[in-house]
Amino acid sequence: MKTIRTVEELLARYGEPGEASLVKVTSVLTPAYRRMIEASPFVALATVGEDGLDCSPRGDAGGAVRIEDERHLALPDWRGNNRIDSLRNIVRDPRVALMFLIPGSNSVVRVNGTAVVSVDEALIDSFDVEGKHPRSIVVVTIGEVYFQCARAVMRADLWNVDRFVDPKSLPTPGEMLQAAKTDFDKDTYDREWPTRAARTMW
C-alpha cells in the first residue's frame, strides 16, 4: 500500500487552503459562533492522554455546553458509566477538541483548546436539574473556534428522516456486550436498560 509520509507530500497532493478556510478561525467566540454553540444539544469531546485518545459523546436538552464568556465553555459531566476516560485524559493532558452538531443544520462548529476538571461547588450547583447536579464540570479555554465545511454532513444526508436506520435492525446494547463477554446476560440488560437510563439521566 502506497502511503504519504511527509507534510510536503500532502501539500503536493491537496494544495493550499482557500481564504475562507483560514479567515474563519478565531481565538474567541464571535456573536455568530456563540449562536451556533448555544443551539447545539450535542458535542463530541476529544481528549488525549498517556493511555491513548478518546472521543466521548456529550449532550443536554438545554444545550451541550454553557458559554461562560468569549473564551470559556462549561461542560457538565452528568451520570455515565464511570469509565471517566475523558476526565482521566484531561487531568493528565489538558488538550481538547470539541465538535458541535445542530440537528437540521449542515454546518459543524469546532473548538480546540485546553480544559480543566472543576469541582467548584458554586459552579456545580449552577447546573441544577431537578435537584440533581453533575459530579464535575469540564471548563474549556478556547484556543481556536471555527465552522466546518458542510460537505460531510451533506454527503451523509444526516438529517434526512427517510434515511434513518431502524434501531431494530441493529445489535442491542446487550448483544454488543455479550459479543465482548460470551456469558453476559444480554436479555436482562436490555430489559432493564430503558428504566435505568430514565432514572439516571442526571
Protein backbone atom coordinates (compact mmCIF):
# COMPACT_ATOMS: atom_id res chain seq x y z
CA MET A 1 0.00 0.00 0.00
CA LYS A 2 1.40 3.36 -1.00
CA THR A 3 1.19 5.93 1.78
CA ILE A 4 2.03 9.58 2.32
CA ARG A 5 4.88 10.08 4.79
CA THR A 6 5.50 13.83 4.87
CA VAL A 7 3.57 17.09 5.08
CA GLU A 8 5.24 18.15 1.84
CA GLU A 9 3.70 15.16 0.07
CA LEU A 10 0.29 16.07 1.49
CA LEU A 11 0.57 19.66 0.28
CA ALA A 12 1.66 18.50 -3.16
CA ARG A 13 -1.46 16.33 -3.40
CA TYR A 14 -4.02 18.70 -1.86
CA GLY A 15 -2.68 22.20 -2.47
CA GLU A 16 -3.13 25.21 -0.21
CA PRO A 17 -6.43 26.02 1.57
CA GLY A 18 -8.63 28.81 0.28
CA GLU A 19 -9.08 32.16 2.00
CA ALA A 20 -12.37 31.20 3.69
CA SER A 21 -10.73 28.16 5.27
CA LEU A 22 -8.22 30.41 7.00
CA VAL A 23 -10.13 33.57 7.94
CA LYS A 24 -12.92 31.59 9.64
CA VAL A 25 -10.62 30.70 12.56
CA THR A 26 -10.91 32.98 15.61
CA SER A 27 -9.47 32.79 19.12
CA VAL A 28 -12.69 33.94 20.79
CA LEU A 29 -16.39 33.36 20.27
CA THR A 30 -17.83 35.75 17.73
CA PRO A 31 -21.57 36.50 18.05
CA ALA A 32 -22.23 34.09 15.18
CA TYR A 33 -20.21 31.26 16.73
CA ARG A 34 -21.93 31.90 20.06
CA ARG A 35 -25.34 31.45 18.43
CA MET A 36 -24.26 28.21 16.80
CA ILE A 37 -22.89 26.70 20.01
CA GLU A 38 -25.93 27.80 22.02
CA ALA A 39 -28.15 25.98 19.51
CA SER A 40 -26.22 22.71 19.78
CA PRO A 41 -27.57 19.96 22.07
CA PHE A 42 -24.74 17.56 21.16
CA VAL A 43 -20.95 17.74 21.21
CA ALA A 44 -18.19 15.18 20.70
CA LEU A 45 -15.34 15.74 23.17
CA ALA A 46 -11.91 14.50 22.06
CA THR A 47 -9.06 14.15 24.54
CA VAL A 48 -5.55 12.72 24.58
CA GLY A 49 -3.69 11.04 27.41
CA GLU A 50 -0.99 8.53 28.23
CA ASP A 51 -3.44 5.68 27.66
CA GLY A 52 -4.30 7.00 24.18
CA LEU A 53 -7.07 9.01 22.55
CA ASP A 54 -10.73 9.23 23.49
CA CYS A 55 -13.78 10.75 21.84
CA SER A 56 -16.87 10.97 24.02
CA PRO A 57 -20.43 11.99 23.07
CA ARG A 58 -21.98 14.63 25.32
CA GLY A 59 -25.48 16.06 25.15
CA ASP A 60 -28.01 18.07 27.07
CA ALA A 61 -31.53 19.31 26.40
CA GLY A 62 -30.65 22.91 27.23
CA GLY A 63 -27.50 22.96 25.12
CA ALA A 64 -24.44 20.73 25.22
CA VAL A 65 -22.31 23.39 26.93
CA ARG A 66 -22.83 26.66 28.71
CA ILE A 67 -20.92 29.68 27.45
CA GLU A 68 -19.23 31.40 30.39
CA ASP A 69 -17.59 34.17 28.35
CA GLU A 70 -15.97 34.64 24.93
CA ARG A 71 -13.05 32.36 25.88
CA HIS A 72 -14.61 29.75 28.16
CA LEU A 73 -17.16 26.93 27.89
CA ALA A 74 -18.54 24.83 30.75
CA LEU A 75 -19.47 21.22 30.06
CA PRO A 76 -21.26 19.39 32.90
CA ASP A 77 -20.25 15.77 33.44
CA TRP A 78 -23.59 14.10 34.01
CA ARG A 79 -24.02 10.49 35.06
CA GLY A 80 -22.46 7.89 32.82
CA ASN A 81 -20.67 4.58 33.05
CA ASN A 82 -17.88 5.76 35.40
CA ARG A 83 -15.11 4.89 32.94
CA ILE A 84 -14.16 8.62 33.07
CA ASP A 85 -11.81 8.17 30.10
CA SER A 86 -12.12 11.82 29.05
CA LEU A 87 -11.60 13.11 32.58
CA ARG A 88 -8.55 10.90 33.13
CA ASN A 89 -7.04 12.28 29.95
CA ILE A 90 -7.77 15.91 30.80
CA VAL A 91 -6.11 15.77 34.22
CA ARG A 92 -3.00 14.31 32.53
CA ASP A 93 -3.04 16.34 29.31
CA PRO A 94 -5.31 19.41 29.06
CA ARG A 95 -5.58 19.46 25.25
CA VAL A 96 -9.15 19.00 24.00
CA ALA A 97 -11.16 19.30 20.80
CA LEU A 98 -14.93 19.68 20.55
CA MET A 99 -17.25 19.20 17.60
CA PHE A 100 -20.78 20.60 17.87
CA LEU A 101 -23.70 19.27 15.83
CA ILE A 102 -27.03 21.06 15.43
CA PRO A 103 -30.00 18.95 14.30
CA GLY A 104 -31.19 20.24 10.95
CA SER A 105 -28.04 22.27 10.21
CA ASN A 106 -25.30 21.04 7.92
CA SER A 107 -22.73 23.38 9.50
CA VAL A 108 -20.50 21.99 12.24
CA VAL A 109 -18.63 24.13 14.77
CA ARG A 110 -15.26 23.02 16.12
CA VAL A 111 -13.31 24.23 19.15
CA ASN A 112 -9.70 23.41 20.01
CA GLY A 113 -8.25 24.39 23.34
CA THR A 114 -7.38 23.24 26.83
CA ALA A 115 -9.55 22.08 29.72
CA VAL A 116 -9.60 21.51 33.46
CA VAL A 117 -11.90 19.34 35.56
CA SER A 118 -13.56 21.67 38.07
CA VAL A 119 -15.23 20.57 41.29
CA ASP A 120 -16.03 24.12 42.38
CA GLU A 121 -19.24 23.74 44.38
CA ALA A 122 -20.79 27.01 43.21
CA LEU A 123 -20.19 26.07 39.58
CA ILE A 124 -21.56 22.57 40.10
CA ASP A 125 -24.64 23.91 41.91
CA SER A 126 -25.33 26.28 39.00
CA PHE A 127 -26.12 23.24 36.82
CA ASP A 128 -29.05 22.10 38.96
CA VAL A 129 -31.59 19.87 37.18
CA GLU A 130 -34.49 18.89 39.42
CA GLY A 131 -32.22 18.91 42.45
CA LYS A 132 -29.51 16.84 40.74
CA HIS A 133 -26.01 18.04 39.90
CA PRO A 134 -23.08 16.83 37.79
CA ARG A 135 -20.12 15.41 39.68
CA SER A 136 -17.72 17.78 37.93
CA ILE A 137 -17.54 20.41 35.21
CA VAL A 138 -15.13 20.40 32.29
CA VAL A 139 -14.13 24.03 31.78
CA VAL A 140 -12.68 24.63 28.32
CA THR A 141 -10.44 27.56 27.44
CA ILE A 142 -10.84 28.25 23.74
CA GLY A 143 -7.68 28.31 21.65
CA GLU A 144 -9.45 28.46 18.32
CA VAL A 145 -13.01 28.16 17.06
CA TYR A 146 -14.24 27.74 13.51
CA PHE A 147 -17.03 26.22 11.45
CA GLN A 148 -16.53 23.11 9.37
CA CYS A 149 -17.43 22.84 5.70
CA ALA A 150 -20.92 21.30 5.42
CA ARG A 151 -19.99 18.72 2.78
CA ALA A 152 -19.53 15.79 5.20
CA VAL A 153 -22.97 16.22 6.77
CA MET A 154 -24.48 16.76 3.33
CA ARG A 155 -22.84 13.61 1.95
CA ALA A 156 -24.09 11.64 4.94
CA ASP A 157 -27.59 13.09 4.47
CA LEU A 158 -27.55 13.05 8.26
CA TRP A 159 -30.85 14.77 8.99
CA ASN A 160 -32.95 13.06 6.31
CA VAL A 161 -35.58 11.12 8.29
CA ASP A 162 -36.25 8.93 5.27
CA ARG A 163 -32.73 7.54 5.70
CA PHE A 164 -32.88 6.97 9.44
CA VAL A 165 -31.87 3.43 10.35
CA ASP A 166 -34.48 1.28 12.11
CA PRO A 167 -32.97 0.61 15.57
CA LYS A 168 -34.47 -2.89 15.46
CA SER A 169 -32.11 -3.73 12.60
CA LEU A 170 -29.06 -3.02 14.79
CA PRO A 171 -27.48 -5.02 17.62
CA THR A 172 -28.88 -4.13 21.05
CA PRO A 173 -26.52 -2.90 23.80
CA GLY A 174 -26.91 -6.30 25.45
CA GLU A 175 -25.93 -8.10 22.26
CA MET A 176 -22.83 -5.96 21.87
CA LEU A 177 -21.87 -6.65 25.49
CA GLN A 178 -22.38 -10.38 25.02
CA ALA A 179 -20.18 -10.30 21.92
CA ALA A 180 -17.37 -8.99 24.14
CA LYS A 181 -18.15 -11.34 27.06
CA THR A 182 -19.91 -14.52 25.99
CA ASP A 183 -21.59 -15.27 29.33
CA PHE A 184 -23.05 -11.76 29.70
CA ASP A 185 -26.80 -11.74 30.38
CA LYS A 186 -27.91 -9.66 27.40
CA ASP A 187 -31.65 -10.21 27.86
CA THR A 188 -31.72 -8.86 31.42
CA TYR A 189 -29.52 -5.91 30.48
CA ASP A 190 -31.69 -4.93 27.51
CA ARG A 191 -34.89 -5.34 29.52
CA GLU A 192 -33.68 -3.19 32.43
CA TRP A 193 -31.75 -0.56 30.46
CA PRO A 194 -34.61 1.82 29.46
CA THR A 195 -35.82 2.18 33.06
CA ARG A 196 -32.31 2.54 34.42
CA ALA A 197 -31.41 5.18 31.82
CA ALA A 198 -34.55 7.22 32.57
CA ARG A 199 -33.85 7.05 36.30
CA THR A 200 -30.19 8.06 36.00
CA MET A 201 -30.29 10.64 33.20
CA TRP A 202 -28.97 13.37 35.52
